[in-house]
């Protein structure tokens, strides 16, 4: 941050020493979502033209040839049947057909939303008088039917589905209930339904933690959330079939202390203190940083390394498609030599900065290119983990996609008012995300949780 004191001190700075400062300021101005980790929303009206790292296939957009597709299909047992009699012949003669037998029916089905899709079931318990005691006794009501008037389990599940999964804010969900059902529910009813679901998910949370600790590869990421006006951190651990969220006031990695598989992350330094193997997201952050160095500082090695990483990724995908389990040692050595050679070119193009005339505390300041080269060289095995182990993904997109909806929630509803509400949101998001990954019915899955038997994922075979 350039304070007034720092700007005043520039007046006494020698011209030669101003060069790296000016370059640093120019580099900051050039940062955007395509060459750094800045979100697209920060680009403003200077948003750069989109540039995808995915190679063009030449295929038209939409469903491809051979794709099964989905279309509306008739049902065998419709809810309502309306008969349309034929009394007058429509062939042109105008004769009466009232007495003619019906040969067959042609049918057309219309799928429509009912005017008030909320059914009311009245439970009537018999009351009788005991001939021995003379007291009136009542038949027991079914479990869950406790109040004279109440909502059912599937309605509460629908409220949670809309609020936590579809991210409808409370006031809009209340409006929807009034428009669809004619019932003006309170915000407290929605929040209570969410708390009840979260309270029933303890077996699910325990199973998720156990399975994640046994997984060979786990993706992780974190993002900031405002809770009660203060910055908190939403953490995600995930696999293609599992999702675990949690919120902490600080960056917390306690759950990973027992993890011994390979952790895919974005090179946050705290992760390297864990006793597990690592894999860095070469296909996202590193590619954007290399793009920045190439476009802003015109250093060819960065563009060549960018292309090399993509070439490695495409080669690995081709080998997977051909049924190859792992690359031969000679192939790995060739790829690694090309990688190391470009790192050496980068070092030559970015020699260490001269030491400052005045001694300062801490690490000496480096350029962005030097910091990137340090990571690429120090963590080369983690950067290229996808090349050595085909189970390691090229990107950390899995974790980033799981976190994306939490950012959408913030844009819609703002911060969480209480830490308890944030934890409830994280708990239910873990559950519904896991349901979706396992191709389960999300609404019924939430209803099952309210009934006391939530979906429990099993260890992959």
Protein backbone atom coordinates (compact mmCIF):
# COMPACT_ATOMS: atom_id res chain seq x y z
CA UNK A 1 0.00 0.00 0.00
CA UNK A 2 1.48 3.32 -1.05
CA UNK A 3 0.94 5.68 1.89
CA UNK A 4 1.61 9.42 1.94
CA UNK A 5 4.87 8.81 3.78
CA UNK A 6 6.09 6.39 1.11
CA UNK A 7 5.21 8.77 -1.69
CA UNK A 8 7.02 11.61 0.08
CA UNK A 9 10.12 9.43 0.46
CA UNK A 10 10.22 8.93 -3.32
CA UNK A 11 11.35 12.52 -3.71
CA UNK A 12 14.75 11.60 -2.28
CA UNK A 13 15.06 8.37 -4.28
CA UNK A 14 17.69 8.15 -6.98
CA UNK A 15 16.40 7.70 -10.56
CA UNK A 16 18.03 4.27 -10.90
CA UNK A 17 16.21 3.04 -7.82
CA UNK A 18 12.88 4.33 -9.15
CA UNK A 19 12.91 1.90 -12.07
CA UNK A 20 11.80 -1.23 -10.14
CA UNK A 21 9.20 0.83 -8.27
CA UNK A 22 7.67 2.13 -11.51
CA UNK A 23 7.73 -1.35 -13.03
CA UNK A 24 5.98 -2.74 -9.96
CA UNK A 25 3.24 -0.09 -10.16
CA UNK A 26 2.76 -0.72 -13.88
CA UNK A 27 2.50 -4.45 -13.21
CA UNK A 28 -0.20 -3.89 -10.62
CA UNK A 29 -2.23 -1.81 -13.05
CA UNK A 30 -1.95 -4.56 -15.67
CA UNK A 31 -3.38 -7.28 -13.40
CA UNK A 32 -6.79 -8.62 -14.40
CA UNK A 33 -8.78 -11.84 -14.22
CA UNK A 34 -7.05 -13.37 -17.26
CA UNK A 35 -3.48 -13.09 -15.95
CA UNK A 36 -3.87 -13.29 -12.17
CA UNK A 37 -6.14 -14.62 -9.44
CA UNK A 38 -8.30 -11.48 -9.42
CA UNK A 39 -12.01 -12.27 -9.87
CA UNK A 40 -13.73 -11.19 -13.11
CA UNK A 41 -15.96 -8.83 -11.13
CA UNK A 42 -12.89 -6.67 -10.34
CA UNK A 43 -12.15 -5.96 -14.02
CA UNK A 44 -14.83 -3.28 -14.28
CA UNK A 45 -15.40 -1.74 -17.70
CA UNK A 46 -11.86 -2.62 -18.80
CA UNK A 47 -12.69 -6.32 -18.84
CA UNK A 48 -10.25 -8.11 -21.19
CA UNK A 49 -11.47 -10.22 -24.07
CA UNK A 50 -12.07 -13.81 -22.91
CA UNK A 51 -9.23 -16.22 -23.66
CA UNK A 52 -9.86 -19.87 -22.92
CA UNK A 53 -6.98 -22.25 -22.31
CA UNK A 54 -9.05 -25.07 -23.82
CA UNK A 55 -8.09 -26.05 -27.38
CA UNK A 56 -10.75 -25.47 -30.05
CA UNK A 57 -12.42 -28.67 -31.26
CA UNK A 58 -14.13 -27.24 -34.32
CA UNK A 59 -17.43 -28.82 -33.27
CA UNK A 60 -20.66 -26.78 -33.26
CA UNK A 61 -22.12 -25.70 -29.94
CA UNK A 62 -24.88 -27.73 -28.30
CA UNK A 63 -25.49 -31.49 -28.27
CA UNK A 64 -23.22 -33.51 -30.53
CA UNK A 65 -24.16 -36.34 -32.90
CA UNK A 66 -25.05 -39.46 -30.94
CA UNK A 67 -25.99 -37.51 -27.81
CA UNK A 68 -29.08 -39.09 -26.23
CA UNK A 69 -30.63 -35.79 -25.20
CA UNK A 70 -33.70 -35.22 -23.02
CA UNK A 71 -37.27 -34.46 -24.03
CA UNK A 72 -40.69 -34.38 -22.42
CA UNK A 73 -42.20 -37.87 -22.41
CA UNK A 74 -45.81 -38.91 -21.67
CA UNK A 75 -46.63 -40.70 -18.42
CA UNK A 76 -48.58 -43.95 -18.16
CA UNK A 77 -50.90 -42.76 -15.38
CA UNK A 78 -51.84 -39.07 -15.66
CA UNK A 79 -53.28 -37.25 -12.64
CA UNK A 80 -56.36 -36.10 -14.52
CA UNK A 81 -58.11 -37.34 -17.69
CA UNK A 82 -60.48 -35.11 -19.68
CA UNK A 83 -62.68 -36.84 -22.28
CA UNK A 84 -63.44 -34.94 -25.50
CA UNK A 85 -66.56 -36.53 -27.17
CA UNK A 86 -67.08 -36.53 -30.92
CA UNK A 87 -70.72 -35.81 -31.80
CA UNK A 88 -70.51 -34.24 -35.25
CA UNK A 89 -68.40 -35.59 -38.15
CA UNK A 90 -65.57 -33.28 -39.12
CA UNK A 91 -64.93 -34.83 -42.56
CA UNK A 92 -67.32 -32.32 -44.17
CA UNK A 93 -70.61 -34.22 -44.25
CA UNK A 94 -71.80 -32.80 -40.94
CA UNK A 95 -73.43 -36.08 -39.93
CA UNK A 96 -74.13 -37.09 -36.32
CA UNK A 97 -71.73 -39.53 -34.67
CA UNK A 98 -73.45 -39.56 -31.29
CA UNK A 99 -74.54 -43.20 -31.60
CA UNK A 100 -71.33 -44.52 -33.20
CA UNK A 101 -68.96 -46.67 -31.08
CA UNK A 102 -65.55 -45.26 -30.03
CA UNK A 103 -62.79 -46.97 -32.02
CA UNK A 104 -59.82 -45.61 -30.09
CA UNK A 105 -58.52 -42.47 -28.38
CA UNK A 106 -55.76 -40.13 -29.51
CA UNK A 107 -54.05 -38.58 -26.51
CA UNK A 108 -52.10 -35.44 -25.79
CA UNK A 109 -50.69 -34.68 -22.33
CA UNK A 110 -50.16 -31.23 -20.83
CA UNK A 111 -47.74 -30.84 -17.91
CA UNK A 112 -48.97 -27.93 -15.82
CA UNK A 113 -48.26 -26.46 -12.40
CA UNK A 114 -51.33 -26.70 -10.13
CA UNK A 115 -52.80 -23.45 -8.87
CA UNK A 116 -52.02 -24.23 -5.22
CA UNK A 117 -49.53 -27.15 -5.10
CA UNK A 118 -49.81 -27.65 -1.35
CA UNK A 119 -51.84 -30.63 -0.15
CA UNK A 120 -53.43 -30.60 3.29
CA UNK A 121 -53.80 -33.93 5.07
CA UNK A 122 -55.99 -34.05 8.18
CA UNK A 123 -55.19 -36.75 10.72
CA UNK A 124 -58.23 -37.81 12.73
CA UNK A 125 -57.47 -39.84 15.82
CA UNK A 126 -60.40 -41.69 17.37
CA UNK A 127 -61.31 -40.83 20.94
CA UNK A 128 -63.10 -43.48 23.01
CA UNK A 129 -64.10 -43.90 26.61
CA UNK A 130 -62.50 -46.66 28.61
CA UNK A 131 -65.22 -48.86 30.12
CA UNK A 132 -63.04 -49.64 33.12
CA UNK A 133 -61.59 -46.24 34.11
CA UNK A 134 -64.20 -44.05 32.50
CA UNK A 135 -61.51 -41.82 30.99
CA UNK A 136 -61.43 -40.60 27.38
CA UNK A 137 -58.46 -42.05 25.50
CA UNK A 138 -57.16 -40.97 22.08
CA UNK A 139 -55.45 -43.00 19.35
CA UNK A 140 -51.79 -42.01 18.84
CA UNK A 141 -50.88 -39.73 15.96
CA UNK A 142 -48.11 -40.78 13.55
CA UNK A 143 -44.53 -39.73 14.36
CA UNK A 144 -43.89 -36.13 13.33
CA UNK A 145 -47.54 -35.06 13.60
CA UNK A 146 -47.29 -33.05 16.79
CA UNK A 147 -49.11 -29.71 16.41
CA UNK A 148 -52.75 -28.95 15.57
CA UNK A 149 -51.55 -27.26 12.35
CA UNK A 150 -48.06 -27.70 10.90
CA UNK A 151 -46.02 -28.07 7.71
CA UNK A 152 -44.83 -31.46 6.50
CA UNK A 153 -41.32 -32.82 6.07
CA UNK A 154 -41.16 -32.38 2.29
CA UNK A 155 -42.29 -28.75 2.58
CA UNK A 156 -39.52 -28.01 5.08
CA UNK A 157 -37.09 -29.82 2.77
CA UNK A 158 -38.25 -27.63 -0.11
CA UNK A 159 -37.59 -24.50 1.96
CA UNK A 160 -34.03 -25.67 2.68
CA UNK A 161 -33.57 -26.68 -0.96
CA UNK A 162 -34.52 -23.20 -2.17
CA UNK A 163 -32.59 -21.28 0.48
CA UNK A 164 -29.31 -23.22 0.66
CA UNK A 165 -29.10 -25.02 -2.69
CA UNK A 166 -30.82 -22.54 -5.03
CA UNK A 167 -29.58 -19.60 -2.88
CA UNK A 168 -32.91 -17.78 -2.71
CA UNK A 169 -32.74 -15.10 0.02
CA UNK A 170 -35.28 -15.25 2.80
CA UNK A 171 -37.53 -12.42 1.65
CA UNK A 172 -37.75 -13.79 -1.91
CA UNK A 173 -38.49 -17.29 -0.63
CA UNK A 174 -41.30 -15.89 1.53
CA UNK A 175 -42.72 -14.14 -1.54
CA UNK A 176 -42.54 -17.39 -3.52
CA UNK A 177 -44.45 -19.27 -0.81
CA UNK A 178 -47.13 -16.59 -0.81
CA UNK A 179 -47.46 -16.67 -4.61
CA UNK A 180 -47.32 -20.45 -5.09
CA UNK A 181 -49.01 -21.77 -1.97
CA UNK A 182 -50.94 -18.84 -0.55
CA UNK A 183 -48.98 -19.20 2.69
CA UNK A 184 -47.01 -16.27 4.11
CA UNK A 185 -44.38 -18.13 6.12
CA UNK A 186 -41.96 -16.35 8.41
CA UNK A 187 -38.18 -16.08 8.07
CA UNK A 188 -37.87 -17.92 11.37
CA UNK A 189 -39.64 -20.93 9.85
CA UNK A 190 -37.05 -21.11 7.05
CA UNK A 191 -34.11 -20.70 9.43
CA UNK A 192 -35.52 -23.34 11.80
CA UNK A 193 -35.85 -25.79 8.91
CA UNK A 194 -32.19 -25.21 7.99
CA UNK A 195 -31.07 -25.73 11.60
CA UNK A 196 -33.08 -28.96 11.86
CA UNK A 197 -31.46 -30.35 8.70
CA UNK A 198 -27.95 -29.44 9.88
CA UNK A 199 -28.63 -31.08 13.25
CA UNK A 200 -29.49 -34.37 11.51
CA UNK A 201 -26.30 -34.42 9.41
CA UNK A 202 -23.78 -35.47 12.09
CA UNK A 203 -23.52 -39.06 10.73
CA UNK A 204 -22.98 -37.67 7.25
CA UNK A 205 -20.25 -35.26 8.41
CA UNK A 206 -18.43 -38.04 10.26
CA UNK A 207 -18.53 -40.29 7.21
CA UNK A 208 -17.29 -37.51 4.91
CA UNK A 209 -14.28 -36.76 7.13
CA UNK A 210 -13.36 -40.43 7.37
CA UNK A 211 -13.61 -41.01 3.61
CA UNK A 212 -11.63 -37.88 2.77
CA UNK A 213 -8.79 -38.96 5.02
CA UNK A 214 -8.67 -42.29 3.15
CA UNK A 215 -8.79 -40.75 -0.34
CA UNK A 216 -5.70 -40.92 -2.56
CA UNK A 217 -6.26 -37.42 -4.03
CA UNK A 218 -8.16 -34.54 -2.41
CA UNK A 219 -8.69 -31.04 -3.79
CA UNK A 220 -8.77 -28.10 -1.41
CA UNK A 221 -9.29 -24.36 -1.59
CA UNK A 222 -10.46 -21.52 0.62
CA UNK A 223 -12.19 -18.17 0.25
CA UNK A 224 -13.09 -15.28 2.52
CA UNK A 225 -16.60 -14.81 3.90
CA UNK A 226 -18.01 -11.99 5.99
CA UNK A 227 -19.64 -13.32 9.17
CA UNK A 228 -21.10 -10.82 11.65
CA UNK A 229 -19.10 -8.09 9.93
CA UNK A 230 -15.73 -9.86 10.29
CA UNK A 231 -13.63 -11.82 7.83
CA UNK A 232 -13.86 -15.60 8.13
CA UNK A 233 -12.61 -18.40 5.90
CA UNK A 234 -14.68 -21.02 4.11
CA UNK A 235 -12.61 -24.16 3.48
CA UNK A 236 -13.48 -26.95 1.06
CA UNK A 237 -12.10 -30.46 0.74
CA UNK A 238 -13.49 -32.47 -2.12
CA UNK A 239 -13.23 -35.39 -4.50
CA UNK A 240 -15.40 -36.16 -7.55
CA UNK A 241 -17.94 -37.79 -5.16
CA UNK A 242 -17.46 -35.97 -1.83
CA UNK A 243 -17.64 -32.38 -0.59
CA UNK A 244 -16.80 -31.03 2.86
CA UNK A 245 -17.17 -27.35 3.85
CA UNK A 246 -16.37 -25.63 7.10
CA UNK A 247 -15.96 -22.04 8.29
CA UNK A 248 -13.30 -20.75 10.68
CA UNK A 249 -12.34 -17.29 11.93
CA UNK A 250 -8.82 -18.00 10.61
CA UNK A 251 -7.31 -20.33 8.05
CA UNK A 252 -7.54 -23.69 9.77
CA UNK A 253 -6.01 -26.95 8.52
CA UNK A 254 -6.56 -29.20 11.56
CA UNK A 255 -8.70 -31.69 9.64
CA UNK A 256 -5.78 -32.34 7.26
CA UNK A 257 -3.34 -33.32 10.00
CA UNK A 258 -4.15 -37.01 9.50
CA UNK A 259 -4.27 -36.88 5.69
CA UNK A 260 -1.57 -38.93 3.93
CA UNK A 261 -2.72 -38.82 0.31
CA UNK A 262 -1.99 -36.11 -2.27
CA UNK A 263 -3.46 -32.67 -1.65
CA UNK A 264 -4.23 -30.51 -4.71
CA UNK A 265 -4.08 -26.80 -3.91
CA UNK A 266 -2.99 -23.38 -5.19
CA UNK A 267 0.42 -23.20 -3.49
CA UNK A 268 -0.71 -21.58 -0.24
CA UNK A 269 2.42 -21.81 1.92
CA UNK A 270 0.52 -23.15 4.95
CA UNK A 271 -0.32 -26.38 3.11
CA UNK A 272 3.34 -27.32 2.80
CA UNK A 273 3.52 -27.73 6.58
CA UNK A 274 1.28 -30.80 6.32
CA UNK A 275 2.74 -34.31 6.20
CA UNK A 276 1.20 -35.31 2.87
CA UNK A 277 2.09 -35.24 -0.81
CA UNK A 278 1.22 -32.15 -2.81
CA UNK A 279 -0.04 -31.27 -6.26
CA UNK A 280 -0.21 -27.68 -7.50
CA UNK A 281 -2.90 -26.35 -9.81
CA UNK A 282 -0.79 -25.97 -12.96
CA UNK A 283 -3.85 -25.46 -15.14
CA UNK A 284 -5.19 -22.32 -13.50
CA UNK A 285 -3.11 -20.00 -11.32
CA UNK A 286 0.30 -20.87 -12.76
CA UNK A 287 -0.90 -20.48 -16.36
CA UNK A 288 -2.39 -17.08 -15.58
CA UNK A 289 0.80 -15.92 -13.88
CA UNK A 290 2.91 -17.10 -16.82
CA UNK A 291 0.54 -15.24 -19.15
CA UNK A 292 1.09 -12.08 -17.11
CA UNK A 293 4.89 -12.35 -17.23
CA UNK A 294 4.81 -13.03 -20.98
CA UNK A 295 2.36 -10.24 -21.91
CA UNK A 296 3.54 -7.50 -19.53
CA UNK A 297 7.28 -8.11 -19.36
CA UNK A 298 7.68 -9.74 -22.81
CA UNK A 299 9.75 -12.65 -21.52
CA UNK A 300 9.60 -15.56 -24.04
CA UNK A 301 10.38 -18.27 -21.49
CA UNK A 302 7.05 -17.60 -19.71
CA UNK A 303 5.03 -18.05 -22.91
CA UNK A 304 6.97 -21.19 -23.81
CA UNK A 305 6.50 -22.69 -20.34
CA UNK A 306 2.79 -21.85 -20.52
CA UNK A 307 2.54 -23.76 -23.81
CA UNK A 308 4.67 -26.62 -22.46
CA UNK A 309 2.36 -27.21 -19.50
CA UNK A 310 -0.65 -27.32 -21.82
CA UNK A 311 1.22 -29.67 -24.14
CA UNK A 312 1.98 -31.95 -21.19
CA UNK A 313 -1.67 -31.95 -20.18
CA UNK A 314 -2.88 -32.85 -23.68
CA UNK A 315 -0.27 -35.61 -23.92
CA UNK A 316 -1.37 -37.09 -20.59
CA UNK A 317 -5.02 -37.07 -21.71
CA UNK A 318 -4.08 -38.85 -24.94
CA UNK A 319 -2.20 -41.50 -22.97
CA UNK A 320 -5.16 -42.01 -20.64
CA UNK A 321 -7.50 -42.43 -23.61
CA UNK A 322 -5.14 -45.04 -25.03
CA UNK A 323 -5.26 -47.03 -21.78
CA UNK A 324 -1.72 -46.17 -20.64
CA UNK A 325 -1.34 -46.30 -16.84
CA UNK A 326 1.84 -44.21 -16.47
CA UNK A 327 4.60 -42.70 -18.60
CA UNK A 328 7.91 -44.43 -19.17
CA UNK A 329 10.99 -43.13 -17.38
CA UNK A 330 12.49 -41.91 -20.67
CA UNK A 331 9.38 -39.89 -21.48
CA UNK A 332 9.32 -38.34 -18.00
CA UNK A 333 12.98 -37.41 -18.29
CA UNK A 334 12.42 -35.69 -21.65
CA UNK A 335 9.50 -33.63 -20.35
CA UNK A 336 11.41 -32.70 -17.19
CA UNK A 337 14.47 -31.58 -19.19
CA UNK A 338 12.32 -29.22 -21.25
CA UNK A 339 10.73 -27.87 -18.07
CA UNK A 340 14.08 -27.32 -16.30
CA UNK A 341 15.57 -25.67 -19.39
CA UNK A 342 12.82 -23.05 -19.47
CA UNK A 343 13.23 -22.42 -15.75
CA UNK A 344 16.95 -21.81 -16.40
CA UNK A 345 16.03 -19.34 -19.17
CA UNK A 346 13.74 -17.58 -16.73
CA UNK A 347 16.51 -17.33 -14.15
CA UNK A 348 18.85 -15.83 -16.75
CA UNK A 349 16.20 -13.26 -17.74
CA UNK A 350 15.54 -12.31 -14.10
CA UNK A 351 18.85 -12.01 -12.22
CA UNK A 352 18.68 -11.18 -8.50
CA UNK A 353 18.07 -7.52 -7.73
CA UNK A 354 21.01 -5.59 -6.27
CA UNK A 355 20.93 -5.49 -2.47
CA UNK A 356 19.42 -2.28 -1.03
CA UNK A 357 21.83 0.31 0.26
CA UNK A 358 20.08 0.35 3.61
CA UNK A 359 19.65 -2.86 5.56
CA UNK A 360 16.02 -3.87 5.98
CA UNK A 361 14.36 -6.57 7.99
CA UNK A 362 12.78 -9.60 6.34
CA UNK A 363 13.29 -11.17 2.93
CA UNK A 364 14.70 -9.00 0.15
CA UNK A 365 12.09 -7.75 -2.32
CA UNK A 366 11.79 -9.70 -5.57
CA UNK A 367 9.96 -9.20 -8.85
CA UNK A 368 6.83 -11.17 -9.71
CA UNK A 369 8.81 -13.22 -12.20
CA UNK A 370 11.40 -14.15 -9.57
CA UNK A 371 8.73 -15.17 -7.06
CA UNK A 372 7.03 -17.32 -9.70
CA UNK A 373 10.35 -18.93 -10.68
CA UNK A 374 11.05 -19.75 -7.03
CA UNK A 375 7.77 -21.64 -6.78
CA UNK A 376 8.18 -23.38 -10.13
CA UNK A 377 11.65 -24.57 -9.19
CA UNK A 378 11.18 -25.34 -5.50
CA UNK A 379 7.88 -27.21 -6.03
CA UNK A 380 8.59 -28.65 -9.48
CA UNK A 381 7.58 -32.19 -8.43
CA UNK A 382 4.22 -30.86 -7.20
CA UNK A 383 3.67 -28.73 -10.30
CA UNK A 384 4.30 -31.76 -12.54
CA UNK A 385 2.48 -34.26 -10.32
CA UNK A 386 -0.18 -34.74 -13.04
CA UNK A 387 2.62 -35.97 -15.33
CA UNK A 388 3.94 -38.58 -12.88
CA UNK A 389 0.59 -39.71 -11.49
CA UNK A 390 -2.41 -39.88 -13.83
CA UNK A 391 -4.85 -39.70 -10.90
CA UNK A 392 -3.70 -36.12 -10.19
CA UNK A 393 -5.78 -33.47 -12.00
CA UNK A 394 -4.15 -30.73 -14.06
CA UNK A 395 -6.24 -28.03 -12.37
CA UNK A 396 -7.87 -27.38 -9.03
CA UNK A 397 -11.18 -26.66 -10.77
CA UNK A 398 -13.04 -29.22 -8.65
CA UNK A 399 -12.47 -27.24 -5.44
CA UNK A 400 -12.94 -23.87 -7.14
CA UNK A 401 -16.27 -24.96 -8.61
CA UNK A 402 -17.48 -26.18 -5.21
CA UNK A 403 -16.59 -22.78 -3.69
CA UNK A 404 -18.16 -20.77 -6.50
CA UNK A 405 -21.71 -20.98 -5.18
CA UNK A 406 -20.66 -19.50 -1.84
CA UNK A 407 -19.45 -16.41 -3.69
CA UNK A 408 -22.78 -16.28 -5.55
CA UNK A 409 -24.56 -16.46 -2.19
CA UNK A 410 -22.56 -13.45 -0.95
CA UNK A 411 -23.46 -11.42 -4.03
CA UNK A 412 -27.15 -12.25 -3.54
CA UNK A 413 -27.56 -12.02 0.22
CA UNK A 414 -24.39 -10.36 1.52
CA UNK A 415 -22.68 -11.56 4.69
CA UNK A 416 -23.94 -14.00 7.32
CA UNK A 417 -25.31 -12.37 10.44
CA UNK A 418 -24.18 -15.10 12.84
CA UNK A 419 -21.40 -17.68 12.96
CA UNK A 420 -24.02 -20.36 13.69
CA UNK A 421 -25.89 -19.47 10.51
CA UNK A 422 -22.68 -19.65 8.49
CA UNK A 423 -21.83 -23.09 9.91
CA UNK A 424 -25.36 -24.29 9.12
CA UNK A 425 -24.99 -23.09 5.53
CA UNK A 426 -21.60 -24.84 5.17
CA UNK A 427 -22.94 -28.09 6.64
CA UNK A 428 -25.95 -28.26 4.32
CA UNK A 429 -23.90 -27.21 1.28
CA UNK A 430 -21.58 -30.13 1.99
CA UNK A 431 -24.57 -32.46 1.97
CA UNK A 432 -26.36 -31.18 -1.14
CA UNK A 433 -23.10 -30.99 -3.11
CA UNK A 434 -22.34 -34.62 -2.23
CA UNK A 435 -25.89 -35.61 -3.20
CA UNK A 436 -25.48 -33.93 -6.59
CA UNK A 437 -22.10 -35.58 -7.22
CA UNK A 438 -23.63 -38.99 -6.47
CA UNK A 439 -26.59 -38.31 -8.80
CA UNK A 440 -29.13 -38.39 -5.95
CA UNK A 441 -32.44 -36.55 -5.78
CA UNK A 442 -31.50 -33.48 -3.72
CA UNK A 443 -34.99 -32.59 -2.50
CA UNK A 444 -35.67 -36.16 -1.35
CA UNK A 445 -32.18 -36.34 0.15
CA UNK A 446 -32.93 -33.30 2.34
CA UNK A 447 -36.29 -34.82 3.32
CA UNK A 448 -34.54 -38.07 4.25
CA UNK A 449 -32.17 -36.10 6.48
CA UNK A 450 -35.13 -34.51 8.27
CA UNK A 451 -36.60 -37.99 8.77
CA UNK A 452 -33.38 -39.04 10.51
CA UNK A 453 -31.67 -41.15 7.84
CA UNK A 454 -29.50 -38.89 5.64
CA UNK A 455 -27.55 -40.16 2.65
CA UNK A 456 -24.23 -41.66 3.79
CA UNK A 457 -21.64 -42.04 1.03
CA UNK A 458 -19.62 -45.22 0.86
CA UNK A 459 -15.93 -45.73 0.20
CA UNK A 460 -15.24 -46.21 -3.53
CA UNK A 461 -14.51 -49.78 -4.56
